[in-house]
Amino acid sequence: MELRHLRYFVAVADAGNLTVAAQRMLHTSQPSLSRQIRDLENEVGAQLLTRRARGIELTPAGRAFLDHARAVLSQVEAAAVAARLVAHPSKPCFTMGFLTGHELTWMPRSVADLARRAT
């Protein structure tokens, strides 16, 4: 099973229509999307969608699969974010607040101390 199968299935479920999902969300042809969904159903071993004249309806198996497909896609996105953060860590950020007139007494020492700790 490929991630694109899960993405396609979720898009169809969200759109409620194969043609709408194909054209507006996935930028592919409806026959190609139908074939991908059919391949997914064959791999899962259950019918996930019922095709109707005015769109699709999830079967009970499709509703159960949808929850898990969303969770898998969410975990894949979280893994990608974690990898990007490790590869490109953000610079540390520090915010200070103060009352006007008091900053001259402690701010120079605080900034110097932060600069020392940062190096």
PDB file of N, CA and C in Angstrom:
ATOM      1  N   MET A   1       0.844  -1.173   0.000  1.00  0.00           N
ATOM      2  CA  MET A   1       0.000   0.000   0.000  1.00  0.00           C
ATOM      3  C   MET A   1       0.891   1.237   0.000  1.00  0.00           C
ATOM      4  N   GLU A   2       0.550   2.178  -0.825  1.00  0.00           N
ATOM      5  CA  GLU A   2       1.341   3.391  -0.944  1.00  0.00           C
ATOM      6  C   GLU A   2       0.602   4.565  -0.311  1.00  0.00           C
ATOM      7  N   LEU A   3       1.379   5.544   0.142  1.00  0.00           N
ATOM      8  CA  LEU A   3       0.778   6.717   0.777  1.00  0.00           C
ATOM      9  C   LEU A   3      -0.177   7.441  -0.165  1.00  0.00           C
ATOM     10  N   ARG A   4       0.127   7.438  -1.455  1.00  0.00           N
ATOM     11  CA  ARG A   4      -0.760   8.119  -2.390  1.00  0.00           C
ATOM     12  C   ARG A   4      -2.139   7.479  -2.403  1.00  0.00           C
ATOM     13  N   HIS A   5      -2.210   6.169  -2.206  1.00  0.00           N
ATOM     14  CA  HIS A   5      -3.518   5.518  -2.124  1.00  0.00           C
ATOM     15  C   HIS A   5      -4.319   6.077  -0.949  1.00  0.00           C
ATOM     16  N   LEU A   6      -3.646   6.258   0.180  1.00  0.00           N
ATOM     17  CA  LEU A   6      -4.332   6.815   1.355  1.00  0.00           C
ATOM     18  C   LEU A   6      -4.754   8.259   1.098  1.00  0.00           C
ATOM     19  N   ARG A   7      -3.866   9.041   0.489  1.00  0.00           N
ATOM     20  CA  ARG A   7      -4.202  10.440   0.176  1.00  0.00           C
ATOM     21  C   ARG A   7      -5.382  10.513  -0.781  1.00  0.00           C
ATOM     22  N   TYR A   8      -5.392   9.665  -1.790  1.00  0.00           N
ATOM     23  CA  TYR A   8      -6.494   9.646  -2.748  1.00  0.00           C
ATOM     24  C   TYR A   8      -7.799   9.268  -2.058  1.00  0.00           C
ATOM     25  N   PHE A   9      -7.746   8.244  -1.237  1.00  0.00           N
ATOM     26  CA  PHE A   9      -8.952   7.793  -0.547  1.00  0.00           C
ATOM     27  C   PHE A   9      -9.514   8.887   0.347  1.00  0.00           C
ATOM     28  N   VAL A  10      -8.654   9.545   1.111  1.00  0.00           N
ATOM     29  CA  VAL A  10      -9.100  10.630   1.998  1.00  0.00           C
ATOM     30  C   VAL A  10      -9.690  11.774   1.178  1.00  0.00           C
ATOM     31  N   ALA A  11      -9.064  12.105   0.065  1.00  0.00           N
ATOM     32  CA  ALA A  11      -9.579  13.188  -0.788  1.00  0.00           C
ATOM     33  C   ALA A  11     -10.961  12.847  -1.334  1.00  0.00           C
ATOM     34  N   VAL A  12     -11.152  11.614  -1.754  1.00  0.00           N
ATOM     35  CA  VAL A  12     -12.462  11.191  -2.268  1.00  0.00           C
ATOM     36  C   VAL A  12     -13.497  11.232  -1.152  1.00  0.00           C
ATOM     37  N   ALA A  13     -13.136  10.750   0.010  1.00  0.00           N
ATOM     38  CA  ALA A  13     -14.062  10.771   1.144  1.00  0.00           C
ATOM     39  C   ALA A  13     -14.439  12.204   1.509  1.00  0.00           C
ATOM     40  N   ASP A  14     -13.459  13.117   1.495  1.00  0.00           N
ATOM     41  CA  ASP A  14     -13.722  14.510   1.827  1.00  0.00           C
ATOM     42  C   ASP A  14     -14.596  15.185   0.771  1.00  0.00           C
ATOM     43  N   ALA A  15     -14.334  14.893  -0.490  1.00  0.00           N
ATOM     44  CA  ALA A  15     -15.083  15.526  -1.585  1.00  0.00           C
ATOM     45  C   ALA A  15     -16.468  14.911  -1.749  1.00  0.00           C
ATOM     46  N   GLY A  16     -16.586  13.635  -1.418  1.00  0.00           N
ATOM     47  CA  GLY A  16     -17.867  12.952  -1.610  1.00  0.00           C
ATOM     48  C   GLY A  16     -18.172  12.636  -3.057  1.00  0.00           C
ATOM     49  N   ASN A  17     -17.154  12.804  -3.912  1.00  0.00           N
ATOM     50  CA  ASN A  17     -17.373  12.624  -5.343  1.00  0.00           C
ATOM     51  C   ASN A  17     -16.023  12.345  -5.999  1.00  0.00           C
ATOM     52  N   LEU A  18     -15.963  11.301  -6.816  1.00  0.00           N
ATOM     53  CA  LEU A  18     -14.710  10.937  -7.476  1.00  0.00           C
ATOM     54  C   LEU A  18     -14.257  12.009  -8.463  1.00  0.00           C
ATOM     55  N   THR A  19     -15.177  12.525  -9.257  1.00  0.00           N
ATOM     56  CA  THR A  19     -14.808  13.517 -10.263  1.00  0.00           C
ATOM     57  C   THR A  19     -14.307  14.799  -9.618  1.00  0.00           C
ATOM     58  N   VAL A  20     -14.992  15.272  -8.598  1.00  0.00           N
ATOM     59  CA  VAL A  20     -14.569  16.486  -7.902  1.00  0.00           C
ATOM     60  C   VAL A  20     -13.195  16.284  -7.268  1.00  0.00           C
ATOM     61  N   ALA A  21     -13.005  15.160  -6.606  1.00  0.00           N
ATOM     62  CA  ALA A  21     -11.706  14.883  -5.979  1.00  0.00           C
ATOM     63  C   ALA A  21     -10.609  14.818  -7.035  1.00  0.00           C
ATOM     64  N   ALA A  22     -10.886  14.165  -8.149  1.00  0.00           N
ATOM     65  CA  ALA A  22      -9.879  14.028  -9.203  1.00  0.00           C
ATOM     66  C   ALA A  22      -9.497  15.374  -9.786  1.00  0.00           C
ATOM     67  N   GLN A  23     -10.476  16.173 -10.154  1.00  0.00           N
ATOM     68  CA  GLN A  23     -10.198  17.423 -10.859  1.00  0.00           C
ATOM     69  C   GLN A  23      -9.728  18.538  -9.942  1.00  0.00           C
ATOM     70  N   ARG A  24     -10.427  18.752  -8.838  1.00  0.00           N
ATOM     71  CA  ARG A  24     -10.163  19.931  -8.011  1.00  0.00           C
ATOM     72  C   ARG A  24      -9.130  19.711  -6.915  1.00  0.00           C
ATOM     73  N   MET A  25      -9.049  18.489  -6.399  1.00  0.00           N
ATOM     74  CA  MET A  25      -8.168  18.257  -5.256  1.00  0.00           C
ATOM     75  C   MET A  25      -6.874  17.553  -5.644  1.00  0.00           C
ATOM     76  N   LEU A  26      -6.972  16.611  -6.569  1.00  0.00           N
ATOM     77  CA  LEU A  26      -5.811  15.778  -6.881  1.00  0.00           C
ATOM     78  C   LEU A  26      -5.202  16.076  -8.248  1.00  0.00           C
ATOM     79  N   HIS A  27      -5.896  16.830  -9.073  1.00  0.00           N
ATOM     80  CA  HIS A  27      -5.418  17.212 -10.398  1.00  0.00           C
ATOM     81  C   HIS A  27      -5.007  15.999 -11.224  1.00  0.00           C
ATOM     82  N   THR A  28      -5.919  15.052 -11.277  1.00  0.00           N
ATOM     83  CA  THR A  28      -5.719  13.842 -12.064  1.00  0.00           C
ATOM     84  C   THR A  28      -7.031  13.542 -12.771  1.00  0.00           C
ATOM     85  N   SER A  29      -7.058  12.497 -13.557  1.00  0.00           N
ATOM     86  CA  SER A  29      -8.288  12.137 -14.258  1.00  0.00           C
ATOM     87  C   SER A  29      -9.141  11.225 -13.377  1.00  0.00           C
ATOM     88  N   GLN A  30     -10.430  11.287 -13.594  1.00  0.00           N
ATOM     89  CA  GLN A  30     -11.357  10.466 -12.805  1.00  0.00           C
ATOM     90  C   GLN A  30     -11.131   8.966 -13.047  1.00  0.00           C
ATOM     91  N   PRO A  31     -10.906   8.521 -14.301  1.00  0.00           N
ATOM     92  CA  PRO A  31     -10.654   7.083 -14.488  1.00  0.00           C
ATOM     93  C   PRO A  31      -9.402   6.600 -13.749  1.00  0.00           C
ATOM     94  N   SER A  32      -8.360   7.423 -13.754  1.00  0.00           N
ATOM     95  CA  SER A  32      -7.144   7.052 -13.033  1.00  0.00           C
ATOM     96  C   SER A  32      -7.396   6.956 -11.531  1.00  0.00           C
ATOM     97  N   LEU A  33      -8.138   7.918 -11.000  1.00  0.00           N
ATOM     98  CA  LEU A  33      -8.468   7.893  -9.573  1.00  0.00           C
ATOM     99  C   LEU A  33      -9.322   6.680  -9.237  1.00  0.00           C
ATOM    100  N   SER A  34     -10.295   6.376 -10.058  1.00  0.00           N
ATOM    101  CA  SER A  34     -11.141   5.197  -9.827  1.00  0.00           C
ATOM    102  C   SER A  34     -10.306   3.930  -9.788  1.00  0.00           C
ATOM    103  N   ARG A  35      -9.337   3.837 -10.693  1.00  0.00           N
ATOM    104  CA  ARG A  35      -8.454   2.662 -10.735  1.00  0.00           C
ATOM    105  C   ARG A  35      -7.625   2.570  -9.454  1.00  0.00           C
ATOM    106  N   GLN A  36      -7.117   3.708  -8.972  1.00  0.00           N
ATOM    107  CA  GLN A  36      -6.327   3.715  -7.730  1.00  0.00           C
ATOM    108  C   GLN A  36      -7.179   3.281  -6.538  1.00  0.00           C
ATOM    109  N   ILE A  37      -8.405   3.764  -6.474  1.00  0.00           N
ATOM    110  CA  ILE A  37      -9.303   3.373  -5.378  1.00  0.00           C
ATOM    111  C   ILE A  37      -9.635   1.891  -5.471  1.00  0.00           C
ATOM    112  N   ARG A  38      -9.863   1.395  -6.676  1.00  0.00           N
ATOM    113  CA  ARG A  38     -10.142  -0.029  -6.865  1.00  0.00           C
ATOM    114  C   ARG A  38      -8.946  -0.874  -6.433  1.00  0.00           C
ATOM    115  N   ASP A  39      -7.727  -0.420  -6.768  1.00  0.00           N
ATOM    116  CA  ASP A  39      -6.513  -1.135  -6.334  1.00  0.00           C
ATOM    117  C   ASP A  39      -6.410  -1.150  -4.811  1.00  0.00           C
ATOM    118  N   LEU A  40      -6.730  -0.022  -4.188  1.00  0.00           N
ATOM    119  CA  LEU A  40      -6.704   0.054  -2.725  1.00  0.00           C
ATOM    120  C   LEU A  40      -7.719  -0.910  -2.121  1.00  0.00           C
ATOM    121  N   GLU A  41      -8.918  -0.919  -2.665  1.00  0.00           N
ATOM    122  CA  GLU A  41      -9.952  -1.835  -2.154  1.00  0.00           C
ATOM    123  C   GLU A  41      -9.510  -3.290  -2.307  1.00  0.00           C
ATOM    124  N   ASN A  42      -8.865  -3.606  -3.419  1.00  0.00           N
ATOM    125  CA  ASN A  42      -8.364  -4.977  -3.618  1.00  0.00           C
ATOM    126  C   ASN A  42      -7.290  -5.316  -2.593  1.00  0.00           C
ATOM    127  N   GLU A  43      -6.418  -4.364  -2.313  1.00  0.00           N
ATOM    128  CA  GLU A  43      -5.351  -4.614  -1.339  1.00  0.00           C
ATOM    129  C   GLU A  43      -5.903  -4.749   0.072  1.00  0.00           C
ATOM    130  N   VAL A  44      -6.874  -3.905   0.409  1.00  0.00           N
ATOM    131  CA  VAL A  44      -7.482  -3.964   1.742  1.00  0.00           C
ATOM    132  C   VAL A  44      -8.349  -5.215   1.875  1.00  0.00           C
ATOM    133  N   GLY A  45      -8.961  -5.635   0.783  1.00  0.00           N
ATOM    134  CA  GLY A  45      -9.829  -6.803   0.816  1.00  0.00           C
ATOM    135  C   GLY A  45     -11.260  -6.478   1.223  1.00  0.00           C
ATOM    136  N   ALA A  46     -11.653  -5.222   1.017  1.00  0.00           N
ATOM    137  CA  ALA A  46     -13.017  -4.806   1.366  1.00  0.00           C
ATOM    138  C   ALA A  46     -13.410  -3.632   0.483  1.00  0.00           C
ATOM    139  N   GLN A  47     -14.700  -3.560   0.182  1.00  0.00           N
ATOM    140  CA  GLN A  47     -15.217  -2.409  -0.553  1.00  0.00           C
ATOM    141  C   GLN A  47     -15.273  -1.227   0.412  1.00  0.00           C
ATOM    142  N   LEU A  48     -14.638  -0.119   0.031  1.00  0.00           N
ATOM    143  CA  LEU A  48     -14.564   1.055   0.887  1.00  0.00           C
ATOM    144  C   LEU A  48     -15.585   2.119   0.509  1.00  0.00           C
ATOM    145  N   LEU A  49     -15.972   2.136  -0.767  1.00  0.00           N
ATOM    146  CA  LEU A  49     -16.890   3.141  -1.283  1.00  0.00           C
ATOM    147  C   LEU A  49     -18.028   2.481  -2.039  1.00  0.00           C
ATOM    148  N   THR A  50     -19.181   3.097  -1.972  1.00  0.00           N
ATOM    149  CA  THR A  50     -20.295   2.724  -2.825  1.00  0.00           C
ATOM    150  C   THR A  50     -20.490   3.867  -3.798  1.00  0.00           C
ATOM    151  N   ARG A  51     -20.431   3.547  -5.069  1.00  0.00           N
ATOM    152  CA  ARG A  51     -20.609   4.569  -6.088  1.00  0.00           C
ATOM    153  C   ARG A  51     -22.095   4.808  -6.305  1.00  0.00           C
ATOM    154  N   ARG A  52     -22.497   6.062  -6.258  1.00  0.00           N
ATOM    155  CA  ARG A  52     -23.889   6.465  -6.465  1.00  0.00           C
ATOM    156  C   ARG A  52     -23.941   7.409  -7.663  1.00  0.00           C
ATOM    157  N   ALA A  53     -25.137   7.674  -8.145  1.00  0.00           N
ATOM    158  CA  ALA A  53     -25.310   8.586  -9.277  1.00  0.00           C
ATOM    159  C   ALA A  53     -24.815   9.988  -8.936  1.00  0.00           C
ATOM    160  N   ARG A  54     -24.949  10.399  -7.693  1.00  0.00           N
ATOM    161  CA  ARG A  54     -24.559  11.750  -7.289  1.00  0.00           C
ATOM    162  C   ARG A  54     -23.338  11.754  -6.370  1.00  0.00           C
ATOM    163  N   GLY A  55     -22.437  10.814  -6.545  1.00  0.00           N
ATOM    164  CA  GLY A  55     -21.228  10.807  -5.732  1.00  0.00           C
ATOM    165  C   GLY A  55     -20.960   9.453  -5.122  1.00  0.00           C
ATOM    166  N   ILE A  56     -20.264   9.465  -4.021  1.00  0.00           N
ATOM    167  CA  ILE A  56     -19.896   8.219  -3.343  1.00  0.00           C
ATOM    168  C   ILE A  56     -20.424   8.244  -1.919  1.00  0.00           C
ATOM    169  N   GLU A  57     -20.494   7.070  -1.364  1.00  0.00           N
ATOM    170  CA  GLU A  57     -20.845   6.914   0.047  1.00  0.00           C
ATOM    171  C   GLU A  57     -19.867   5.916   0.636  1.00  0.00           C
ATOM    172  N   LEU A  58     -19.356   6.224   1.810  1.00  0.00           N
ATOM    173  CA  LEU A  58     -18.442   5.294   2.466  1.00  0.00           C
ATOM    174  C   LEU A  58     -19.217   4.099   3.003  1.00  0.00           C
ATOM    175  N   THR A  59     -18.652   2.933   2.822  1.00  0.00           N
ATOM    176  CA  THR A  59     -19.214   1.741   3.437  1.00  0.00           C
ATOM    177  C   THR A  59     -18.779   1.734   4.907  1.00  0.00           C
ATOM    178  N   PRO A  60     -19.350   0.858   5.735  1.00  0.00           N
ATOM    179  CA  PRO A  60     -18.847   0.763   7.114  1.00  0.00           C
ATOM    180  C   PRO A  60     -17.347   0.475   7.154  1.00  0.00           C
ATOM    181  N   ALA A  61     -16.870  -0.370   6.258  1.00  0.00           N
ATOM    182  CA  ALA A  61     -15.427  -0.649   6.188  1.00  0.00           C
ATOM    183  C   ALA A  61     -14.669   0.611   5.784  1.00  0.00           C
ATOM    184  N   GLY A  62     -15.246   1.390   4.889  1.00  0.00           N
ATOM    185  CA  GLY A  62     -14.624   2.633   4.448  1.00  0.00           C
ATOM    186  C   GLY A  62     -14.525   3.657   5.564  1.00  0.00           C
ATOM    187  N   ARG A  63     -15.564   3.748   6.393  1.00  0.00           N
ATOM    188  CA  ARG A  63     -15.531   4.676   7.529  1.00  0.00           C
ATOM    189  C   ARG A  63     -14.445   4.268   8.524  1.00  0.00           C
ATOM    190  N   ALA A  64     -14.336   2.976   8.787  1.00  0.00           N
ATOM    191  CA  ALA A  64     -13.292   2.492   9.702  1.00  0.00           C
ATOM    192  C   ALA A  64     -11.909   2.746   9.109  1.00  0.00           C
ATOM    193  N   PHE A  65     -11.759   2.504   7.802  1.00  0.00           N
ATOM    194  CA  PHE A  65     -10.468   2.696   7.141  1.00  0.00           C
ATOM    195  C   PHE A  65     -10.095   4.173   7.100  1.00  0.00           C
ATOM    196  N   LEU A  66     -11.077   5.049   6.918  1.00  0.00           N
ATOM    197  CA  LEU A  66     -10.815   6.485   6.823  1.00  0.00           C
ATOM    198  C   LEU A  66     -10.144   7.018   8.086  1.00  0.00           C
ATOM    199  N   ASP A  67     -10.633   6.612   9.245  1.00  0.00           N
ATOM    200  CA  ASP A  67     -10.020   7.067  10.503  1.00  0.00           C
ATOM    201  C   ASP A  67      -8.547   6.681  10.572  1.00  0.00           C
ATOM    202  N   HIS A  68      -8.246   5.463  10.190  1.00  0.00           N
ATOM    203  CA  HIS A  68      -6.860   4.989  10.233  1.00  0.00           C
ATOM    204  C   HIS A  68      -6.012   5.649   9.149  1.00  0.00           C
ATOM    205  N   ALA A  69      -6.582   5.865   7.972  1.00  0.00           N
ATOM    206  CA  ALA A  69      -5.840   6.521   6.890  1.00  0.00           C
ATOM    207  C   ALA A  69      -5.464   7.938   7.302  1.00  0.00           C
ATOM    208  N   ARG A  70      -6.392   8.654   7.923  1.00  0.00           N
ATOM    209  CA  ARG A  70      -6.090  10.012   8.397  1.00  0.00           C
ATOM    210  C   ARG A  70      -4.975   9.977   9.454  1.00  0.00           C
ATOM    211  N   ALA A  71      -5.031   9.008  10.350  1.00  0.00           N
ATOM    212  CA  ALA A  71      -4.004   8.899  11.397  1.00  0.00           C
ATOM    213  C   ALA A  71      -2.634   8.607  10.788  1.00  0.00           C
ATOM    214  N   VAL A  72      -2.588   7.720   9.822  1.00  0.00           N
ATOM    215  CA  VAL A  72      -1.313   7.394   9.161  1.00  0.00           C
ATOM    216  C   VAL A  72      -0.746   8.624   8.470  1.00  0.00           C
ATOM    217  N   LEU A  73      -1.573   9.336   7.717  1.00  0.00           N
ATOM    218  CA  LEU A  73      -1.101  10.532   7.013  1.00  0.00           C
ATOM    219  C   LEU A  73      -0.643  11.607   7.993  1.00  0.00           C
ATOM    220  N   SER A  74      -1.332  11.714   9.106  1.00  0.00           N
ATOM    221  CA  SER A  74      -0.931  12.668  10.138  1.00  0.00           C
ATOM    222  C   SER A  74       0.429  12.293  10.724  1.00  0.00           C
ATOM    223  N   GLN A  75       0.653  11.021  10.984  1.00  0.00           N
ATOM    224  CA  GLN A  75       1.933  10.560  11.519  1.00  0.00           C
ATOM    225  C   GLN A  75       3.062  10.753  10.514  1.00  0.00           C
ATOM    226  N   VAL A  76       2.778  10.541   9.245  1.00  0.00           N
ATOM    227  CA  VAL A  76       3.798  10.755   8.205  1.00  0.00           C
ATOM    228  C   VAL A  76       4.181  12.224   8.159  1.00  0.00           C
ATOM    229  N   GLU A  77       3.204  13.112   8.248  1.00  0.00           N
ATOM    230  CA  GLU A  77       3.495  14.551   8.248  1.00  0.00           C
ATOM    231  C   GLU A  77       4.295  14.936   9.490  1.00  0.00           C
ATOM    232  N   ALA A  78       3.934  14.380  10.647  1.00  0.00           N
ATOM    233  CA  ALA A  78       4.671  14.663  11.886  1.00  0.00           C
ATOM    234  C   ALA A  78       6.118  14.174  11.780  1.00  0.00           C
ATOM    235  N   ALA A  79       6.325  13.030  11.153  1.00  0.00           N
ATOM    236  CA  ALA A  79       7.678  12.507  10.968  1.00  0.00           C
ATOM    237  C   ALA A  79       8.493  13.423  10.062  1.00  0.00           C
ATOM    238  N   ALA A  80       7.878  13.936   9.014  1.00  0.00           N
ATOM    239  CA  ALA A  80       8.572  14.848   8.105  1.00  0.00           C
ATOM    240  C   ALA A  80       8.932  16.151   8.817  1.00  0.00           C
ATOM    241  N   VAL A  81       8.021  16.679   9.618  1.00  0.00           N
ATOM    242  CA  VAL A  81       8.293  17.905  10.373  1.00  0.00           C
ATOM    243  C   VAL A  81       9.432  17.671  11.353  1.00  0.00           C
ATOM    244  N   ALA A  82       9.412  16.549  12.053  1.00  0.00           N
ATOM    245  CA  ALA A  82      10.480  16.239  13.016  1.00  0.00           C
ATOM    246  C   ALA A  82      11.831  16.141  12.317  1.00  0.00           C
ATOM    247  N   ALA A  83      11.868  15.497  11.172  1.00  0.00           N
ATOM    248  CA  ALA A  83      13.124  15.367  10.430  1.00  0.00           C
ATOM    249  C   ALA A  83      13.628  16.732   9.968  1.00  0.00           C
ATOM    250  N   ARG A  84      12.714  17.577   9.481  1.00  0.00           N
ATOM    251  CA  ARG A  84      13.124  18.917   9.041  1.00  0.00           C
ATOM    252  C   ARG A  84      13.664  19.743  10.196  1.00  0.00           C
ATOM    253  N   LEU A  85      13.047  19.618  11.365  1.00  0.00           N
ATOM    254  CA  LEU A  85      13.508  20.376  12.528  1.00  0.00           C
ATOM    255  C   LEU A  85      14.899  19.940  12.968  1.00  0.00           C
ATOM    256  N   VAL A  86      15.176  18.652  12.878  1.00  0.00           N
ATOM    257  CA  VAL A  86      16.510  18.164  13.236  1.00  0.00           C
ATOM    258  C   VAL A  86      17.532  18.608  12.188  1.00  0.00           C
ATOM    259  N   ALA A  87      17.150  18.530  10.924  1.00  0.00           N
ATOM    260  CA  ALA A  87      18.066  18.902   9.847  1.00  0.00           C
ATOM    261  C   ALA A  87      18.316  20.401   9.797  1.00  0.00           C
ATOM    262  N   HIS A  88      17.301  21.179  10.134  1.00  0.00           N
ATOM    263  CA  HIS A  88      17.402  22.644  10.066  1.00  0.00           C
ATOM    264  C   HIS A  88      16.834  23.241  11.346  1.00  0.00           C
ATOM    265  N   PRO A  89      17.572  23.138  12.445  1.00  0.00           N
ATOM    266  CA  PRO A  89      17.025  23.643  13.709  1.00  0.00           C
ATOM    267  C   PRO A  89      16.802  25.153  13.638  1.00  0.00           C
ATOM    268  N   SER A  90      15.751  25.565  14.275  1.00  0.00           N
ATOM    269  CA  SER A  90      15.475  27.005  14.283  1.00  0.00           C
ATOM    270  C   SER A  90      16.409  27.681  15.275  1.00  0.00           C
ATOM    271  N   LYS A  91      16.638  28.945  15.051  1.00  0.00           N
ATOM    272  CA  LYS A  91      17.494  29.701  15.956  1.00  0.00           C
ATOM    273  C   LYS A  91      16.731  29.938  17.252  1.00  0.00           C
ATOM    274  N   PRO A  92      17.439  29.902  18.381  1.00  0.00           N
ATOM    275  CA  PRO A  92      16.750  30.161  19.644  1.00  0.00           C
ATOM    276  C   PRO A  92      16.193  31.584  19.670  1.00  0.00           C
ATOM    277  N   CYS A  93      15.079  31.727  20.313  1.00  0.00           N
ATOM    278  CA  CYS A  93      14.414  33.023  20.391  1.00  0.00           C
ATOM    279  C   CYS A  93      14.197  33.366  21.860  1.00  0.00           C
ATOM    280  N   PHE A  94      14.406  34.608  22.183  1.00  0.00           N
ATOM    281  CA  PHE A  94      14.213  35.058  23.555  1.00  0.00           C
ATOM    282  C   PHE A  94      13.457  36.379  23.504  1.00  0.00           C
ATOM    283  N   THR A  95      12.450  36.503  24.335  1.00  0.00           N
ATOM    284  CA  THR A  95      11.656  37.721  24.381  1.00  0.00           C
ATOM    285  C   THR A  95      11.723  38.304  25.777  1.00  0.00           C
ATOM    286  N   MET A  96      11.929  39.614  25.854  1.00  0.00           N
ATOM    287  CA  MET A  96      11.969  40.294  27.156  1.00  0.00           C
ATOM    288  C   MET A  96      10.885  41.361  27.195  1.00  0.00           C
ATOM    289  N   GLY A  97      10.315  41.529  28.349  1.00  0.00           N
ATOM    290  CA  GLY A  97       9.379  42.614  28.568  1.00  0.00           C
ATOM    291  C   GLY A  97       9.883  43.474  29.708  1.00  0.00           C
ATOM    292  N   PHE A  98       9.592  44.750  29.671  1.00  0.00           N
ATOM    293  CA  PHE A  98      10.073  45.638  30.727  1.00  0.00           C
ATOM    294  C   PHE A  98       9.186  46.868  30.815  1.00  0.00           C
ATOM    295  N   LEU A  99       9.282  47.529  31.927  1.00  0.00           N
ATOM    296  CA  LEU A  99       8.602  48.801  32.120  1.00  0.00           C
ATOM    297  C   LEU A  99       9.522  49.923  31.668  1.00  0.00           C
ATOM    298  N   THR A 100       8.989  50.849  30.947  1.00  0.00           N
ATOM    299  CA  THR A 100       9.788  51.966  30.445  1.00  0.00           C
ATOM    300  C   THR A 100      10.441  52.714  31.601  1.00  0.00           C
ATOM    301  N   GLY A 101      11.726  53.002  31.403  1.00  0.00           N
ATOM    302  CA  GLY A 101      12.481  53.734  32.410  1.00  0.00           C
ATOM    303  C   GLY A 101      13.344  52.826  33.265  1.00  0.00           C
ATOM    304  N   HIS A 102      13.017  51.557  33.341  1.00  0.00           N
ATOM    305  CA  HIS A 102      13.796  50.623  34.163  1.00  0.00           C
ATOM    306  C   HIS A 102      14.789  49.810  33.334  1.00  0.00           C
ATOM    307  N   GLU A 103      14.652  49.867  32.025  1.00  0.00           N
ATOM    308  CA  GLU A 103      15.480  49.025  31.170  1.00  0.00           C
ATOM    309  C   GLU A 103      16.959  49.391  31.214  1.00  0.00           C
ATOM    310  N   LEU A 104      17.281  50.613  31.516  1.00  0.00           N
ATOM    311  CA  LEU A 104      18.691  51.023  31.522  1.00  0.00           C
ATOM    312  C   LEU A 104      19.476  50.413  32.673  1.00  0.00           C
ATOM    313  N   THR A 105      18.789  49.992  33.710  1.00  0.00           N
ATOM    314  CA  THR A 105      19.503  49.441  34.864  1.00  0.00           C
ATOM    315  C   THR A 105      19.841  47.967  34.690  1.00  0.00           C
ATOM    316  N   TRP A 106      19.020  47.203  34.035  1.00  0.00           N
ATOM    317  CA  TRP A 106      19.278  45.770  33.972  1.00  0.00           C
ATOM    318  C   TRP A 106      19.427  45.219  32.558  1.00  0.00           C
ATOM    319  N   MET A 107      18.925  45.913  31.532  1.00  0.00           N
ATOM    320  CA  MET A 107      18.967  45.356  30.185  1.00  0.00           C
ATOM    321  C   MET A 107      20.387  45.154  29.654  1.00  0.00           C
ATOM    322  N   PRO A 108      21.316  46.077  29.786  1.00  0.00           N
ATOM    323  CA  PRO A 108      22.662  45.832  29.249  1.00  0.00           C
ATOM    324  C   PRO A 108      23.303  44.577  29.842  1.00  0.00           C
ATOM    325  N   ARG A 109      23.151  44.371  31.144  1.00  0.00           N
ATOM    326  CA  ARG A 109      23.729  43.168  31.778  1.00  0.00           C
ATOM    327  C   ARG A 109      23.025  41.911  31.275  1.00  0.00           C
ATOM    328  N   SER A 110      21.717  41.976  31.128  1.00  0.00           N
ATOM    329  CA  SER A 110      20.952  40.803  30.669  1.00  0.00           C
ATOM    330  C   SER A 110      21.332  40.421  29.248  1.00  0.00           C
ATOM    331  N   VAL A 111      21.454  41.390  28.367  1.00  0.00           N
ATOM    332  CA  VAL A 111      21.822  41.109  26.981  1.00  0.00           C
ATOM    333  C   VAL A 111      23.236  40.534  26.920  1.00  0.00           C
ATOM    334  N   ALA A 112      24.145  41.074  27.698  1.00  0.00           N
ATOM    335  CA  ALA A 112      25.516  40.547  27.726  1.00  0.00           C
ATOM    336  C   ALA A 112      25.532  39.116  28.241  1.00  0.00           C
ATOM    337  N   ASP A 113      24.743  38.844  29.282  1.00  0.00           N
ATOM    338  CA  ASP A 113      24.670  37.493  29.829  1.00  0.00           C
ATOM    339  C   ASP A 113      24.086  36.528  28.799  1.00  0.00           C
ATOM    340  N   LEU A 114      23.034  36.925  28.098  1.00  0.00           N
ATOM    341  CA  LEU A 114      22.444  36.071  27.051  1.00  0.00           C
ATOM    342  C   LEU A 114      23.435  35.811  25.925  1.00  0.00           C
ATOM    343  N   ALA A 115      24.181  36.837  25.542  1.00  0.00           N
ATOM    344  CA  ALA A 115      25.179  36.676  24.473  1.00  0.00           C
ATOM    345  C   ALA A 115      26.250  35.678  24.878  1.00  0.00           C
ATOM    346  N   ARG A 116      26.705  35.744  26.127  1.00  0.00           N
ATOM    347  CA  ARG A 116      27.708  34.783  26.612  1.00  0.00           C
ATOM    348  C   ARG A 116      27.153  33.365  26.590  1.00  0.00           C
ATOM    349  N   ARG A 117      25.940  33.202  27.034  1.00  0.00           N
ATOM    350  CA  ARG A 117      25.341  31.850  27.089  1.00  0.00           C
ATOM    351  C   ARG A 117      25.079  31.282  25.690  1.00  0.00           C
ATOM    352  N   ALA A 118      24.822  32.133  24.743  1.00  0.00           N
ATOM    353  CA  ALA A 118      24.500  31.686  23.385  1.00  0.00           C
ATOM    354  C   ALA A 118      25.721  31.205  22.615  1.00  0.00           C
ATOM    355  N   THR A 119      26.908  31.599  23.078  1.00  0.00           N
ATOM    356  CA  THR A 119      28.116  31.196  22.340  1.00  0.00           C
ATOM    357  C   THR A 119      28.789  30.006  22.960  1.00  0.00           C
TER     358      THR A 119
END
